[in-house]
Amino acid sequence: MGRIDDRLTPVTPNEVFLALQGAWQKELHETPHRTSLLVLLSQWALETGRGRSMHCYNLGNVKSGGQSGDWCFFRCNEIIKGKVVWFDPDAPECRFRAFATLDDGALDYLRTLYQRFKRAWPAVQAGDPAAFSHSLRLQNYYTADEGQYTRTLVSLFNEFSRSIPVQGQPAPAPLPDLYST
């Protein structure tokens, strides 16, 4: 366990949806509701550029704070006091969790949200991407503008609601875009 070489690991939304479903069943021992998975899928898409910028199957591009497991370094930015600040490897801000498989990454992502960002979990269970965004912001998950993050999350949720079929569960009605400017 330790530092590994960074690599992009692009996957499709359908693949991530199924990996999240499996992780939920493995970790929580229940069948997740479709809208709960769509909230997580939307946040994955936002954090990874729809998977194009996902590194080493890290679904949320979650940083590694020195916990056990593998990690990698890659150049990244954060919004600090309203300004974009770039960080280069080996700065601590560039150390991210890394996984060998999509399933391993999905399980870690779900556990991280469920355990470390527990106050956001009721919004996941309710299938409410706007409440999820707000709760994550309150818990310092992201540094971006909350309004933009929420608009994007709701938009992705609505898109995936229409495009990700699941047997036995009808597609939910799209949420109203209450966050348009």
N, C-alpha and C. Protein backbone atom coordinates (compact mmCIF):
# COMPACT_ATOMS: atom_id res chain seq x y z
N MET A 1 0.85 -1.18 0.00
CA MET A 1 0.00 0.00 0.00
C MET A 1 0.90 1.25 0.00
N GLY A 2 0.61 2.14 -0.89
CA GLY A 2 1.41 3.35 -0.96
C GLY A 2 1.17 4.10 -2.24
N ARG A 3 2.17 4.86 -2.62
CA ARG A 3 2.06 5.70 -3.80
C ARG A 3 2.09 4.85 -5.07
N ILE A 4 1.16 5.15 -5.98
CA ILE A 4 1.14 4.49 -7.28
C ILE A 4 1.15 5.56 -8.35
N ASP A 5 1.45 5.16 -9.57
CA ASP A 5 1.45 6.09 -10.69
C ASP A 5 0.02 6.52 -11.00
N ASP A 6 -0.14 7.79 -11.25
CA ASP A 6 -1.44 8.33 -11.62
C ASP A 6 -1.83 7.85 -13.01
N ARG A 7 -3.11 7.57 -13.19
CA ARG A 7 -3.63 7.25 -14.52
C ARG A 7 -5.11 7.60 -14.55
N LEU A 8 -5.54 8.06 -15.70
CA LEU A 8 -6.96 8.33 -15.89
C LEU A 8 -7.68 7.00 -16.08
N THR A 9 -8.87 6.90 -15.50
CA THR A 9 -9.66 5.67 -15.59
C THR A 9 -11.09 6.02 -16.01
N PRO A 10 -11.28 6.42 -17.27
CA PRO A 10 -12.62 6.82 -17.71
C PRO A 10 -13.56 5.61 -17.77
N VAL A 11 -14.78 5.83 -17.34
CA VAL A 11 -15.83 4.82 -17.38
C VAL A 11 -17.13 5.52 -17.78
N THR A 12 -18.14 4.73 -18.09
CA THR A 12 -19.43 5.30 -18.48
C THR A 12 -20.32 5.52 -17.25
N PRO A 13 -21.30 6.39 -17.38
CA PRO A 13 -22.26 6.55 -16.28
C PRO A 13 -22.96 5.24 -15.92
N ASN A 14 -23.30 4.42 -16.90
CA ASN A 14 -23.95 3.14 -16.59
C ASN A 14 -23.04 2.25 -15.75
N GLU A 15 -21.75 2.22 -16.08
CA GLU A 15 -20.82 1.41 -15.30
C GLU A 15 -20.72 1.91 -13.86
N VAL A 16 -20.68 3.22 -13.69
CA VAL A 16 -20.60 3.78 -12.34
C VAL A 16 -21.89 3.51 -11.58
N PHE A 17 -23.03 3.67 -12.23
CA PHE A 17 -24.32 3.41 -11.60
C PHE A 17 -24.35 1.99 -11.03
N LEU A 18 -23.94 1.02 -11.85
CA LEU A 18 -23.95 -0.38 -11.40
C LEU A 18 -22.93 -0.62 -10.28
N ALA A 19 -21.77 0.02 -10.36
CA ALA A 19 -20.77 -0.13 -9.29
C ALA A 19 -21.28 0.47 -7.99
N LEU A 20 -21.95 1.61 -8.06
CA LEU A 20 -22.52 2.22 -6.86
C LEU A 20 -23.62 1.35 -6.26
N GLN A 21 -24.42 0.76 -7.13
CA GLN A 21 -25.49 -0.12 -6.67
C GLN A 21 -24.89 -1.32 -5.91
N GLY A 22 -23.84 -1.91 -6.48
CA GLY A 22 -23.18 -3.03 -5.81
C GLY A 22 -22.53 -2.62 -4.50
N ALA A 23 -21.90 -1.46 -4.48
CA ALA A 23 -21.27 -0.97 -3.25
C ALA A 23 -22.31 -0.73 -2.16
N TRP A 24 -23.45 -0.16 -2.54
CA TRP A 24 -24.53 0.11 -1.58
C TRP A 24 -25.00 -1.21 -0.97
N GLN A 25 -25.24 -2.19 -1.81
CA GLN A 25 -25.73 -3.48 -1.32
C GLN A 25 -24.69 -4.15 -0.42
N LYS A 26 -23.42 -4.04 -0.79
CA LYS A 26 -22.36 -4.65 0.00
C LYS A 26 -22.19 -3.96 1.35
N GLU A 27 -22.20 -2.63 1.34
CA GLU A 27 -21.93 -1.86 2.56
C GLU A 27 -23.15 -1.72 3.46
N LEU A 28 -24.31 -1.47 2.87
CA LEU A 28 -25.51 -1.16 3.67
C LEU A 28 -26.50 -2.31 3.74
N HIS A 29 -26.24 -3.38 3.01
CA HIS A 29 -27.06 -4.60 3.04
C HIS A 29 -28.53 -4.33 2.73
N GLU A 30 -28.74 -3.46 1.73
CA GLU A 30 -30.10 -3.17 1.28
C GLU A 30 -30.04 -2.76 -0.18
N THR A 31 -31.19 -2.81 -0.82
CA THR A 31 -31.29 -2.38 -2.21
C THR A 31 -31.51 -0.88 -2.23
N PRO A 32 -30.66 -0.14 -2.90
CA PRO A 32 -30.82 1.32 -2.92
C PRO A 32 -31.96 1.73 -3.85
N HIS A 33 -32.56 2.86 -3.53
CA HIS A 33 -33.56 3.43 -4.44
C HIS A 33 -32.82 4.07 -5.61
N ARG A 34 -33.44 4.03 -6.74
CA ARG A 34 -32.85 4.57 -7.96
C ARG A 34 -32.42 6.03 -7.80
N THR A 35 -33.27 6.86 -7.20
CA THR A 35 -32.93 8.28 -7.09
C THR A 35 -31.74 8.51 -6.16
N SER A 36 -31.55 7.64 -5.18
CA SER A 36 -30.37 7.76 -4.32
C SER A 36 -29.11 7.54 -5.13
N LEU A 37 -29.14 6.52 -5.98
CA LEU A 37 -27.98 6.26 -6.83
C LEU A 37 -27.76 7.39 -7.85
N LEU A 38 -28.85 7.98 -8.32
CA LEU A 38 -28.72 9.08 -9.28
C LEU A 38 -28.07 10.31 -8.64
N VAL A 39 -28.34 10.55 -7.36
CA VAL A 39 -27.68 11.66 -6.66
C VAL A 39 -26.18 11.40 -6.63
N LEU A 40 -25.78 10.20 -6.26
CA LEU A 40 -24.36 9.86 -6.20
C LEU A 40 -23.72 9.90 -7.58
N LEU A 41 -24.43 9.38 -8.56
CA LEU A 41 -23.92 9.39 -9.94
C LEU A 41 -23.71 10.82 -10.43
N SER A 42 -24.63 11.69 -10.11
CA SER A 42 -24.53 13.09 -10.52
C SER A 42 -23.31 13.76 -9.89
N GLN A 43 -23.08 13.46 -8.62
CA GLN A 43 -21.94 14.06 -7.95
C GLN A 43 -20.63 13.51 -8.51
N TRP A 44 -20.62 12.21 -8.82
CA TRP A 44 -19.45 11.62 -9.49
C TRP A 44 -19.16 12.36 -10.80
N ALA A 45 -20.21 12.57 -11.60
CA ALA A 45 -20.05 13.23 -12.90
C ALA A 45 -19.52 14.65 -12.73
N LEU A 46 -20.01 15.35 -11.74
CA LEU A 46 -19.56 16.71 -11.48
C LEU A 46 -18.09 16.73 -11.06
N GLU A 47 -17.72 15.87 -10.16
CA GLU A 47 -16.36 15.87 -9.61
C GLU A 47 -15.31 15.34 -10.57
N THR A 48 -15.73 14.57 -11.57
CA THR A 48 -14.75 13.92 -12.45
C THR A 48 -14.93 14.29 -13.92
N GLY A 49 -15.70 15.31 -14.22
CA GLY A 49 -15.93 15.66 -15.63
C GLY A 49 -16.56 14.51 -16.38
N ARG A 50 -17.59 13.92 -15.77
CA ARG A 50 -18.30 12.75 -16.33
C ARG A 50 -17.37 11.56 -16.51
N GLY A 51 -16.40 11.48 -15.64
CA GLY A 51 -15.46 10.37 -15.66
C GLY A 51 -14.21 10.60 -16.49
N ARG A 52 -14.19 11.64 -17.30
CA ARG A 52 -13.01 11.91 -18.14
C ARG A 52 -11.80 12.31 -17.30
N SER A 53 -12.04 12.86 -16.12
CA SER A 53 -10.94 13.28 -15.25
C SER A 53 -10.92 12.48 -13.95
N MET A 54 -11.37 11.24 -14.03
CA MET A 54 -11.32 10.37 -12.86
C MET A 54 -9.96 9.68 -12.85
N HIS A 55 -9.28 9.79 -11.73
CA HIS A 55 -7.94 9.23 -11.58
C HIS A 55 -8.01 7.98 -10.71
N CYS A 56 -7.46 6.89 -11.21
CA CYS A 56 -7.31 5.65 -10.43
C CYS A 56 -8.61 5.21 -9.75
N TYR A 57 -9.71 5.30 -10.49
CA TYR A 57 -11.04 4.88 -10.03
C TYR A 57 -11.48 5.57 -8.74
N ASN A 58 -11.02 6.78 -8.52
CA ASN A 58 -11.44 7.57 -7.36
C ASN A 58 -12.69 8.34 -7.78
N LEU A 59 -13.87 7.84 -7.43
CA LEU A 59 -15.13 8.37 -7.94
C LEU A 59 -15.38 9.83 -7.59
N GLY A 60 -14.95 10.27 -6.45
CA GLY A 60 -15.15 11.66 -6.08
C GLY A 60 -13.88 12.48 -6.18
N ASN A 61 -12.82 11.88 -6.74
CA ASN A 61 -11.50 12.48 -6.69
C ASN A 61 -11.23 12.97 -5.26
N VAL A 62 -11.45 12.05 -4.31
CA VAL A 62 -11.31 12.32 -2.89
C VAL A 62 -9.83 12.32 -2.52
N LYS A 63 -9.45 13.31 -1.75
CA LYS A 63 -8.05 13.42 -1.34
C LYS A 63 -7.69 12.35 -0.32
N SER A 64 -6.42 12.04 -0.28
CA SER A 64 -5.89 11.07 0.68
C SER A 64 -5.22 11.83 1.80
N GLY A 65 -5.76 11.68 2.96
CA GLY A 65 -5.19 12.36 4.12
C GLY A 65 -4.21 11.51 4.89
N GLY A 66 -3.64 10.50 4.25
CA GLY A 66 -2.67 9.67 4.94
C GLY A 66 -3.27 8.39 5.50
N GLN A 67 -4.58 8.14 5.25
CA GLN A 67 -5.17 6.89 5.71
C GLN A 67 -4.54 5.73 4.95
N SER A 68 -4.82 4.52 5.40
CA SER A 68 -4.24 3.37 4.72
C SER A 68 -4.78 3.26 3.31
N GLY A 69 -4.06 2.58 2.47
CA GLY A 69 -4.48 2.42 1.09
C GLY A 69 -3.52 3.10 0.13
N ASP A 70 -3.82 2.92 -1.14
CA ASP A 70 -2.98 3.52 -2.17
C ASP A 70 -3.39 4.96 -2.43
N TRP A 71 -2.43 5.72 -2.99
CA TRP A 71 -2.70 7.10 -3.37
C TRP A 71 -1.86 7.44 -4.59
N CYS A 72 -2.25 8.53 -5.22
CA CYS A 72 -1.48 9.05 -6.35
C CYS A 72 -1.46 10.57 -6.24
N PHE A 73 -0.58 11.18 -6.99
CA PHE A 73 -0.50 12.63 -7.05
C PHE A 73 -0.86 13.09 -8.46
N PHE A 74 -1.65 14.17 -8.55
CA PHE A 74 -1.86 14.84 -9.83
C PHE A 74 -2.16 16.31 -9.59
N ARG A 75 -1.84 17.11 -10.59
CA ARG A 75 -2.05 18.55 -10.52
C ARG A 75 -3.54 18.84 -10.35
N CYS A 76 -3.86 19.76 -9.47
CA CYS A 76 -5.26 20.10 -9.22
C CYS A 76 -5.38 21.55 -8.80
N ASN A 77 -6.62 22.00 -8.72
CA ASN A 77 -6.87 23.35 -8.23
C ASN A 77 -7.97 23.34 -7.20
N GLU A 78 -8.01 24.41 -6.44
CA GLU A 78 -9.07 24.66 -5.47
C GLU A 78 -9.44 26.12 -5.58
N ILE A 79 -10.65 26.42 -5.17
CA ILE A 79 -11.08 27.81 -5.11
C ILE A 79 -10.89 28.27 -3.68
N ILE A 80 -9.97 29.21 -3.51
CA ILE A 80 -9.64 29.73 -2.18
C ILE A 80 -9.89 31.22 -2.18
N LYS A 81 -10.81 31.64 -1.30
CA LYS A 81 -11.20 33.05 -1.20
C LYS A 81 -11.62 33.60 -2.56
N GLY A 82 -12.36 32.77 -3.30
CA GLY A 82 -12.91 33.21 -4.58
C GLY A 82 -11.95 33.14 -5.75
N LYS A 83 -10.73 32.68 -5.53
CA LYS A 83 -9.74 32.61 -6.62
C LYS A 83 -9.30 31.17 -6.83
N VAL A 84 -9.05 30.83 -8.10
CA VAL A 84 -8.55 29.50 -8.44
C VAL A 84 -7.06 29.46 -8.13
N VAL A 85 -6.67 28.48 -7.31
CA VAL A 85 -5.28 28.29 -6.92
C VAL A 85 -4.87 26.88 -7.37
N TRP A 86 -3.77 26.80 -8.13
CA TRP A 86 -3.28 25.52 -8.64
C TRP A 86 -2.21 24.94 -7.72
N PHE A 87 -2.20 23.61 -7.61
CA PHE A 87 -1.22 22.89 -6.80
C PHE A 87 -0.57 21.81 -7.68
N ASP A 88 0.73 21.64 -7.52
CA ASP A 88 1.48 20.65 -8.28
C ASP A 88 1.99 19.55 -7.35
N PRO A 89 2.11 18.32 -7.89
CA PRO A 89 2.69 17.24 -7.09
C PRO A 89 4.08 17.66 -6.63
N ASP A 90 4.46 17.34 -5.52
CA ASP A 90 4.03 16.53 -4.42
C ASP A 90 3.40 17.34 -3.29
N ALA A 91 2.73 18.42 -3.59
CA ALA A 91 2.04 19.20 -2.56
C ALA A 91 0.95 18.33 -1.94
N PRO A 92 0.73 18.45 -0.65
CA PRO A 92 -0.30 17.63 0.01
C PRO A 92 -1.69 17.80 -0.62
N GLU A 93 -1.96 18.95 -1.20
CA GLU A 93 -3.26 19.19 -1.84
C GLU A 93 -3.46 18.33 -3.09
N CYS A 94 -2.39 17.73 -3.58
CA CYS A 94 -2.41 16.92 -4.82
C CYS A 94 -2.42 15.42 -4.55
N ARG A 95 -2.54 15.03 -3.30
CA ARG A 95 -2.52 13.60 -2.96
C ARG A 95 -3.96 13.08 -2.90
N PHE A 96 -4.25 12.10 -3.75
CA PHE A 96 -5.61 11.57 -3.88
C PHE A 96 -5.62 10.05 -3.69
N ARG A 97 -6.75 9.55 -3.20
CA ARG A 97 -6.92 8.12 -3.05
C ARG A 97 -6.86 7.45 -4.42
N ALA A 98 -6.41 6.19 -4.44
CA ALA A 98 -6.29 5.45 -5.70
C ALA A 98 -6.74 4.01 -5.48
N PHE A 99 -7.37 3.44 -6.52
CA PHE A 99 -7.94 2.10 -6.42
C PHE A 99 -7.63 1.29 -7.67
N ALA A 100 -7.57 -0.01 -7.51
CA ALA A 100 -7.26 -0.91 -8.62
C ALA A 100 -8.45 -1.15 -9.53
N THR A 101 -9.68 -1.06 -8.97
CA THR A 101 -10.87 -1.37 -9.75
C THR A 101 -11.96 -0.34 -9.50
N LEU A 102 -12.90 -0.28 -10.41
CA LEU A 102 -14.07 0.59 -10.26
C LEU A 102 -14.87 0.18 -9.03
N ASP A 103 -15.04 -1.10 -8.80
CA ASP A 103 -15.81 -1.55 -7.63
C ASP A 103 -15.16 -1.11 -6.32
N ASP A 104 -13.83 -1.20 -6.24
CA ASP A 104 -13.12 -0.73 -5.04
C ASP A 104 -13.31 0.77 -4.84
N GLY A 105 -13.22 1.52 -5.93
CA GLY A 105 -13.42 2.96 -5.84
C GLY A 105 -14.83 3.32 -5.44
N ALA A 106 -15.82 2.61 -5.98
CA ALA A 106 -17.22 2.87 -5.64
C ALA A 106 -17.48 2.59 -4.17
N LEU A 107 -16.92 1.53 -3.64
CA LEU A 107 -17.12 1.19 -2.23
C LEU A 107 -16.50 2.26 -1.33
N ASP A 108 -15.31 2.71 -1.66
CA ASP A 108 -14.67 3.76 -0.86
C ASP A 108 -15.46 5.06 -0.93
N TYR A 109 -15.92 5.42 -2.11
CA TYR A 109 -16.70 6.65 -2.30
C TYR A 109 -17.96 6.61 -1.45
N LEU A 110 -18.68 5.48 -1.51
CA LEU A 110 -19.90 5.35 -0.72
C LEU A 110 -19.60 5.41 0.77
N ARG A 111 -18.58 4.70 1.20
CA ARG A 111 -18.22 4.71 2.63
C ARG A 111 -17.82 6.10 3.09
N THR A 112 -17.06 6.80 2.26
CA THR A 112 -16.63 8.15 2.62
C THR A 112 -17.83 9.07 2.83
N LEU A 113 -18.75 9.06 1.89
CA LEU A 113 -19.93 9.91 2.03
C LEU A 113 -20.78 9.49 3.21
N TYR A 114 -20.96 8.20 3.38
CA TYR A 114 -21.83 7.67 4.44
C TYR A 114 -21.23 7.92 5.83
N GLN A 115 -19.93 7.79 5.96
CA GLN A 115 -19.30 7.91 7.27
C GLN A 115 -18.79 9.32 7.57
N ARG A 116 -18.05 9.90 6.65
CA ARG A 116 -17.39 11.19 6.91
C ARG A 116 -18.31 12.38 6.66
N PHE A 117 -19.26 12.22 5.74
CA PHE A 117 -20.19 13.30 5.41
C PHE A 117 -21.62 12.85 5.73
N LYS A 118 -21.75 12.29 6.91
CA LYS A 118 -23.00 11.67 7.37
C LYS A 118 -24.20 12.61 7.31
N ARG A 119 -23.98 13.89 7.55
CA ARG A 119 -25.12 14.82 7.53
C ARG A 119 -25.68 15.00 6.12
N ALA A 120 -24.94 14.62 5.10
CA ALA A 120 -25.44 14.70 3.73
C ALA A 120 -26.20 13.44 3.33
N TRP A 121 -26.06 12.38 4.10
CA TRP A 121 -26.64 11.10 3.72
C TRP A 121 -28.17 11.12 3.62
N PRO A 122 -28.90 11.80 4.51
CA PRO A 122 -30.36 11.84 4.34
C PRO A 122 -30.79 12.41 2.99
N ALA A 123 -30.04 13.34 2.44
CA ALA A 123 -30.37 13.89 1.12
C ALA A 123 -30.14 12.84 0.03
N VAL A 124 -29.12 12.01 0.19
CA VAL A 124 -28.90 10.90 -0.75
C VAL A 124 -30.09 9.96 -0.68
N GLN A 125 -30.47 9.58 0.52
CA GLN A 125 -31.59 8.66 0.69
C GLN A 125 -32.89 9.24 0.14
N ALA A 126 -33.06 10.53 0.25
CA ALA A 126 -34.28 11.20 -0.25
C ALA A 126 -34.22 11.44 -1.76
N GLY A 127 -33.06 11.22 -2.36
CA GLY A 127 -32.92 11.48 -3.80
C GLY A 127 -33.00 12.96 -4.12
N ASP A 128 -32.41 13.79 -3.25
CA ASP A 128 -32.50 15.25 -3.36
C ASP A 128 -31.11 15.85 -3.62
N PRO A 129 -30.77 16.06 -4.89
CA PRO A 129 -29.42 16.56 -5.18
C PRO A 129 -29.16 17.97 -4.65
N ALA A 130 -30.18 18.82 -4.60
CA ALA A 130 -29.96 20.18 -4.10
C ALA A 130 -29.63 20.16 -2.61
N ALA A 131 -30.37 19.38 -1.84
CA ALA A 131 -30.09 19.28 -0.40
C ALA A 131 -28.74 18.60 -0.17
N PHE A 132 -28.40 17.65 -1.02
CA PHE A 132 -27.10 16.98 -0.93
C PHE A 132 -25.98 17.98 -1.14
N SER A 133 -26.10 18.81 -2.17
CA SER A 133 -25.10 19.83 -2.46
C SER A 133 -24.93 20.77 -1.27
N HIS A 134 -26.04 21.24 -0.74
CA HIS A 134 -25.99 22.19 0.38
C HIS A 134 -25.32 21.56 1.60
N SER A 135 -25.69 20.34 1.89
CA SER A 135 -25.12 19.67 3.05
C SER A 135 -23.62 19.40 2.86
N LEU A 136 -23.22 19.03 1.66
CA LEU A 136 -21.79 18.83 1.41
C LEU A 136 -21.02 20.13 1.60
N ARG A 137 -21.59 21.23 1.15
CA ARG A 137 -20.93 22.54 1.30
C ARG A 137 -20.76 22.89 2.77
N LEU A 138 -21.81 22.64 3.56
CA LEU A 138 -21.74 22.92 4.99
C LEU A 138 -20.65 22.10 5.68
N GLN A 139 -20.34 20.95 5.10
CA GLN A 139 -19.33 20.07 5.67
C GLN A 139 -17.97 20.21 4.98
N ASN A 140 -17.83 21.28 4.17
CA ASN A 140 -16.56 21.61 3.50
C ASN A 140 -16.07 20.53 2.54
N TYR A 141 -17.00 19.84 1.87
CA TYR A 141 -16.60 18.84 0.87
C TYR A 141 -16.00 19.52 -0.34
N TYR A 142 -16.57 20.65 -0.73
CA TYR A 142 -16.07 21.35 -1.92
C TYR A 142 -15.89 22.83 -1.63
N THR A 143 -15.07 23.47 -2.47
CA THR A 143 -14.77 24.89 -2.27
C THR A 143 -15.40 25.77 -3.34
N ALA A 144 -16.06 25.17 -4.32
CA ALA A 144 -16.67 25.93 -5.42
C ALA A 144 -17.87 26.73 -4.93
N ASP A 145 -18.37 27.60 -5.79
CA ASP A 145 -19.58 28.37 -5.50
C ASP A 145 -20.75 27.40 -5.33
N GLU A 146 -21.47 27.53 -4.23
CA GLU A 146 -22.55 26.59 -3.93
C GLU A 146 -23.67 26.64 -4.97
N GLY A 147 -24.04 27.83 -5.41
CA GLY A 147 -25.11 27.95 -6.39
C GLY A 147 -24.78 27.23 -7.68
N GLN A 148 -23.56 27.41 -8.18
CA GLN A 148 -23.15 26.74 -9.42
C GLN A 148 -23.05 25.24 -9.22
N TYR A 149 -22.48 24.81 -8.10
CA TYR A 149 -22.36 23.38 -7.82
C TYR A 149 -23.74 22.74 -7.78
N THR A 150 -24.69 23.40 -7.12
CA THR A 150 -26.05 22.87 -6.99
C THR A 150 -26.74 22.83 -8.34
N ARG A 151 -26.65 23.89 -9.12
CA ARG A 151 -27.27 23.91 -10.45
C ARG A 151 -26.75 22.76 -11.31
N THR A 152 -25.44 22.57 -11.27
CA THR A 152 -24.85 21.50 -12.07
C THR A 152 -25.30 20.13 -11.57
N LEU A 153 -25.32 19.95 -10.26
CA LEU A 153 -25.75 18.67 -9.70
C LEU A 153 -27.20 18.35 -10.06
N VAL A 154 -28.08 19.33 -9.95
CA VAL A 154 -29.49 19.13 -10.30
C VAL A 154 -29.63 18.84 -11.80
N SER A 155 -28.89 19.56 -12.62
CA SER A 155 -28.95 19.33 -14.06
C SER A 155 -28.49 17.92 -14.42
N LEU A 156 -27.40 17.47 -13.83
CA LEU A 156 -26.91 16.11 -14.08
C LEU A 156 -27.91 15.07 -13.58
N PHE A 157 -28.50 15.33 -12.43
CA PHE A 157 -29.51 14.42 -11.88
C PHE A 157 -30.67 14.28 -12.87
N ASN A 158 -31.15 15.39 -13.39
CA ASN A 158 -32.26 15.35 -14.35
C ASN A 158 -31.85 14.61 -15.63
N GLU A 159 -30.66 14.88 -16.10
CA GLU A 159 -30.17 14.19 -17.30
C GLU A 159 -30.10 12.68 -17.08
N PHE A 160 -29.49 12.27 -15.97
CA PHE A 160 -29.36 10.84 -15.69
C PHE A 160 -30.71 10.20 -15.38
N SER A 161 -31.63 10.97 -14.83
CA SER A 161 -32.98 10.43 -14.57
C SER A 161 -33.64 9.98 -15.87
N ARG A 162 -33.34 10.69 -16.94
CA ARG A 162 -33.91 10.35 -18.26
C ARG A 162 -33.12 9.27 -18.98
N SER A 163 -31.83 9.17 -18.70
CA SER A 163 -30.98 8.32 -19.54
C SER A 163 -30.54 7.01 -18.90
N ILE A 164 -30.66 6.86 -17.60
CA ILE A 164 -30.21 5.64 -16.93
C ILE A 164 -31.43 4.78 -16.60
N PRO A 165 -31.68 3.74 -17.38
CA PRO A 165 -32.84 2.88 -17.08
C PRO A 165 -32.50 1.86 -16.00
N VAL A 166 -33.48 1.55 -15.18
CA VAL A 166 -33.34 0.51 -14.17
C VAL A 166 -34.60 -0.34 -14.20
N GLN A 167 -34.43 -1.62 -14.33
CA GLN A 167 -35.58 -2.51 -14.39
C GLN A 167 -36.40 -2.41 -13.11
N GLY A 168 -37.72 -2.36 -13.29
CA GLY A 168 -38.63 -2.41 -12.16
C GLY A 168 -38.85 -1.09 -11.46
N GLN A 169 -38.15 -0.05 -11.84
CA GLN A 169 -38.34 1.25 -11.19
C GLN A 169 -38.52 2.30 -12.28
N PRO A 170 -39.65 3.00 -12.24
CA PRO A 170 -39.86 4.03 -13.26
C PRO A 170 -38.90 5.20 -13.06
N ALA A 171 -38.63 5.88 -14.16
CA ALA A 171 -37.80 7.08 -14.08
C ALA A 171 -38.55 8.14 -13.30
N PRO A 172 -37.91 8.82 -12.37
CA PRO A 172 -38.59 9.88 -11.61
C PRO A 172 -38.82 11.11 -12.49
N ALA A 173 -39.79 11.91 -12.09
CA ALA A 173 -40.03 13.17 -12.79
C ALA A 173 -38.83 14.08 -12.55
N PRO A 174 -38.40 14.85 -13.57
CA PRO A 174 -37.28 15.78 -13.36
C PRO A 174 -37.60 16.81 -12.27
N LEU A 175 -36.59 17.18 -11.55
CA LEU A 175 -36.75 18.22 -10.53
C LEU A 175 -36.86 19.57 -11.20
N PRO A 176 -37.64 20.47 -10.63
CA PRO A 176 -37.67 21.83 -11.18
C PRO A 176 -36.32 22.49 -11.00
N ASP A 177 -35.93 23.29 -11.96
CA ASP A 177 -34.65 23.99 -11.87
C ASP A 177 -34.86 25.28 -11.09
N LEU A 178 -34.84 25.15 -9.78
CA LEU A 178 -35.05 26.29 -8.88
C LEU A 178 -33.81 27.14 -8.74
N TYR A 179 -32.70 26.69 -9.32
CA TYR A 179 -31.44 27.36 -9.09
C TYR A 179 -30.94 28.10 -10.31
N SER A 180 -31.82 28.30 -11.29
CA SER A 180 -31.42 29.07 -12.48
C SER A 180 -31.23 30.52 -12.12
N THR A 181 -30.32 31.13 -12.84
CA THR A 181 -30.09 32.55 -12.60
C THR A 181 -30.77 33.36 -13.66
